[in-house]
């Protein structure tokens, strides 16, 4: 998932998935980012995925993401 989110085309796909998926699917996607939030945040396209996750995720997932930063 990290490679997909860090790629220009892949990040667009992941962002769209985060927009349209169910809460359980969203949680599963964000769980795939564990241990790579900082690395994605430092990439040009990966940072957009992390930003989208912060926008669409519930507070407990936002806390998990923020905790890794």
N, C-alpha and C. Protein backbone atom coordinates (compact mmCIF):
# COMPACT_ATOMS: atom_id res chain seq x y z
N UNK A 1 0.83 -1.19 0.00
CA UNK A 1 0.00 0.00 0.00
C UNK A 1 0.88 1.25 0.00
N UNK A 2 2.01 1.19 0.68
CA UNK A 2 2.89 2.36 0.74
C UNK A 2 3.39 2.75 -0.64
N UNK A 3 3.77 1.76 -1.45
CA UNK A 3 4.24 2.07 -2.81
C UNK A 3 3.14 2.69 -3.64
N UNK A 4 1.93 2.17 -3.51
CA UNK A 4 0.80 2.69 -4.27
C UNK A 4 0.49 4.12 -3.85
N UNK A 5 0.48 4.39 -2.56
CA UNK A 5 0.15 5.72 -2.06
C UNK A 5 1.23 6.74 -2.39
N UNK A 6 2.46 6.31 -2.57
CA UNK A 6 3.56 7.21 -2.87
C UNK A 6 3.71 7.53 -4.34
N UNK A 7 3.01 6.81 -5.19
CA UNK A 7 3.07 7.00 -6.64
C UNK A 7 2.02 8.01 -7.08
N UNK A 8 2.27 8.74 -8.16
CA UNK A 8 1.33 9.78 -8.59
C UNK A 8 -0.05 9.21 -8.95
N UNK A 9 -0.09 8.19 -9.77
CA UNK A 9 -1.38 7.60 -10.15
C UNK A 9 -1.99 6.81 -9.00
N UNK A 10 -1.15 6.10 -8.28
CA UNK A 10 -1.62 5.30 -7.16
C UNK A 10 -2.21 6.14 -6.04
N UNK A 11 -1.61 7.30 -5.80
CA UNK A 11 -2.14 8.14 -4.73
C UNK A 11 -3.53 8.65 -5.08
N UNK A 12 -3.78 8.92 -6.35
CA UNK A 12 -5.12 9.35 -6.76
C UNK A 12 -6.13 8.24 -6.52
N UNK A 13 -5.74 7.01 -6.78
CA UNK A 13 -6.63 5.87 -6.55
C UNK A 13 -6.92 5.71 -5.07
N UNK A 14 -5.88 5.77 -4.25
CA UNK A 14 -6.06 5.61 -2.80
C UNK A 14 -6.94 6.73 -2.24
N UNK A 15 -6.72 7.96 -2.70
CA UNK A 15 -7.54 9.08 -2.24
C UNK A 15 -9.00 8.88 -2.61
N UNK A 16 -9.26 8.40 -3.81
CA UNK A 16 -10.64 8.15 -4.24
C UNK A 16 -11.26 7.03 -3.42
N UNK A 17 -10.48 5.99 -3.15
CA UNK A 17 -10.98 4.90 -2.32
C UNK A 17 -11.35 5.41 -0.93
N UNK A 18 -10.51 6.26 -0.36
CA UNK A 18 -10.82 6.82 0.96
C UNK A 18 -12.10 7.64 0.94
N UNK A 19 -12.39 8.27 -0.19
CA UNK A 19 -13.63 9.05 -0.33
C UNK A 19 -14.88 8.18 -0.38
N UNK A 20 -14.81 7.07 -1.10
CA UNK A 20 -16.04 6.33 -1.42
C UNK A 20 -16.24 5.04 -0.64
N UNK A 21 -15.25 4.60 0.11
CA UNK A 21 -15.38 3.30 0.78
C UNK A 21 -16.19 3.40 2.08
N UNK A 22 -16.54 2.25 2.60
CA UNK A 22 -17.27 2.18 3.87
C UNK A 22 -16.31 2.46 5.02
N UNK A 23 -16.84 2.78 6.20
CA UNK A 23 -15.96 3.03 7.35
C UNK A 23 -15.03 1.85 7.67
N UNK A 24 -15.51 0.62 7.53
CA UNK A 24 -14.66 -0.54 7.80
C UNK A 24 -13.54 -0.66 6.77
N UNK A 25 -13.88 -0.40 5.51
CA UNK A 25 -12.87 -0.44 4.46
C UNK A 25 -11.84 0.69 4.65
N UNK A 26 -12.33 1.85 5.06
CA UNK A 26 -11.45 3.00 5.32
C UNK A 26 -10.47 2.65 6.43
N UNK A 27 -10.96 2.03 7.47
CA UNK A 27 -10.10 1.62 8.59
C UNK A 27 -9.03 0.63 8.09
N UNK A 28 -9.42 -0.31 7.25
CA UNK A 28 -8.47 -1.29 6.72
C UNK A 28 -7.39 -0.62 5.88
N UNK A 29 -7.78 0.36 5.08
CA UNK A 29 -6.80 1.08 4.26
C UNK A 29 -5.83 1.84 5.14
N UNK A 30 -6.35 2.56 6.12
CA UNK A 30 -5.49 3.36 7.00
C UNK A 30 -4.58 2.45 7.83
N UNK A 31 -5.06 1.30 8.21
CA UNK A 31 -4.22 0.35 8.96
C UNK A 31 -3.01 -0.07 8.14
N UNK A 32 -3.14 -0.09 6.83
CA UNK A 32 -2.01 -0.44 5.95
C UNK A 32 -0.93 0.63 5.98
N UNK A 33 -1.27 1.85 6.40
CA UNK A 33 -0.29 2.93 6.48
C UNK A 33 0.51 2.91 7.77
N UNK A 34 0.13 2.05 8.71
CA UNK A 34 0.84 2.02 9.99
C UNK A 34 2.32 1.83 9.73
N UNK A 35 3.12 2.50 10.51
CA UNK A 35 4.58 2.45 10.43
C UNK A 35 5.16 3.13 9.20
N UNK A 36 4.33 3.75 8.36
CA UNK A 36 4.87 4.46 7.20
C UNK A 36 4.24 5.83 7.01
N UNK A 37 3.58 6.35 8.03
CA UNK A 37 2.92 7.65 7.93
C UNK A 37 3.96 8.75 7.70
N UNK A 38 5.05 8.71 8.44
CA UNK A 38 6.08 9.74 8.29
C UNK A 38 6.71 9.66 6.89
N UNK A 39 7.03 8.46 6.46
CA UNK A 39 7.63 8.28 5.13
C UNK A 39 6.70 8.80 4.04
N UNK A 40 5.40 8.47 4.13
CA UNK A 40 4.44 8.96 3.14
C UNK A 40 4.28 10.48 3.22
N UNK A 41 4.31 11.01 4.42
CA UNK A 41 4.14 12.45 4.61
C UNK A 41 5.26 13.25 3.96
N UNK A 42 6.40 12.64 3.80
CA UNK A 42 7.55 13.33 3.22
C UNK A 42 7.62 13.19 1.70
N UNK A 43 6.71 12.42 1.12
CA UNK A 43 6.69 12.25 -0.34
C UNK A 43 5.65 13.18 -0.96
N UNK A 44 5.93 13.62 -2.17
CA UNK A 44 5.06 14.58 -2.83
C UNK A 44 3.62 14.06 -2.97
N UNK A 45 3.45 12.82 -3.36
CA UNK A 45 2.10 12.28 -3.55
C UNK A 45 1.57 11.59 -2.30
N UNK A 46 2.45 11.02 -1.52
CA UNK A 46 2.04 10.35 -0.30
C UNK A 46 1.43 11.30 0.72
N UNK A 47 1.93 12.53 0.75
CA UNK A 47 1.39 13.49 1.72
C UNK A 47 -0.07 13.81 1.42
N UNK A 48 -0.47 13.75 0.15
CA UNK A 48 -1.87 13.98 -0.21
C UNK A 48 -2.77 12.86 0.32
N UNK A 49 -2.25 11.65 0.30
CA UNK A 49 -3.01 10.51 0.83
C UNK A 49 -3.20 10.67 2.34
N UNK A 50 -2.15 11.06 3.04
CA UNK A 50 -2.25 11.25 4.49
C UNK A 50 -3.21 12.39 4.80
N UNK A 51 -3.15 13.46 4.04
CA UNK A 51 -4.08 14.57 4.23
C UNK A 51 -5.52 14.12 4.03
N UNK A 52 -5.77 13.33 2.99
CA UNK A 52 -7.12 12.83 2.72
C UNK A 52 -7.58 11.94 3.87
N UNK A 53 -6.68 11.10 4.38
CA UNK A 53 -7.04 10.23 5.50
C UNK A 53 -7.46 11.07 6.71
N UNK A 54 -6.75 12.16 6.98
CA UNK A 54 -7.13 13.04 8.09
C UNK A 54 -8.49 13.68 7.84
N UNK A 55 -8.82 13.97 6.61
CA UNK A 55 -10.09 14.62 6.28
C UNK A 55 -11.28 13.69 6.46
N UNK A 56 -11.13 12.43 6.07
CA UNK A 56 -12.29 11.54 6.00
C UNK A 56 -12.40 10.53 7.14
N UNK A 57 -11.36 10.38 7.94
CA UNK A 57 -11.38 9.36 8.98
C UNK A 57 -11.97 9.89 10.28
N UNK A 58 -12.53 8.98 11.08
CA UNK A 58 -13.04 9.37 12.39
C UNK A 58 -11.89 9.73 13.33
N UNK A 59 -12.20 10.40 14.44
CA UNK A 59 -11.17 10.89 15.37
C UNK A 59 -10.18 9.83 15.86
N UNK A 60 -10.64 8.60 16.09
CA UNK A 60 -9.71 7.60 16.61
C UNK A 60 -8.64 7.23 15.58
N UNK A 61 -8.99 7.21 14.29
CA UNK A 61 -7.99 6.95 13.26
C UNK A 61 -7.10 8.17 13.05
N UNK A 62 -7.67 9.35 13.18
CA UNK A 62 -6.86 10.56 13.09
C UNK A 62 -5.82 10.59 14.21
N UNK A 63 -6.22 10.16 15.40
CA UNK A 63 -5.28 10.10 16.53
C UNK A 63 -4.15 9.13 16.26
N UNK A 64 -4.49 7.99 15.67
CA UNK A 64 -3.48 6.99 15.34
C UNK A 64 -2.47 7.57 14.34
N UNK A 65 -2.98 8.25 13.31
CA UNK A 65 -2.10 8.84 12.31
C UNK A 65 -1.23 9.93 12.94
N UNK A 66 -1.85 10.78 13.74
CA UNK A 66 -1.11 11.87 14.38
C UNK A 66 -0.06 11.33 15.35
N UNK A 67 -0.37 10.24 16.01
CA UNK A 67 0.58 9.64 16.93
C UNK A 67 1.85 9.17 16.26
N UNK A 68 1.73 8.77 15.00
CA UNK A 68 2.91 8.34 14.26
C UNK A 68 3.75 9.51 13.77
N UNK A 69 3.11 10.67 13.65
CA UNK A 69 3.87 11.84 13.20
C UNK A 69 4.68 12.38 14.35
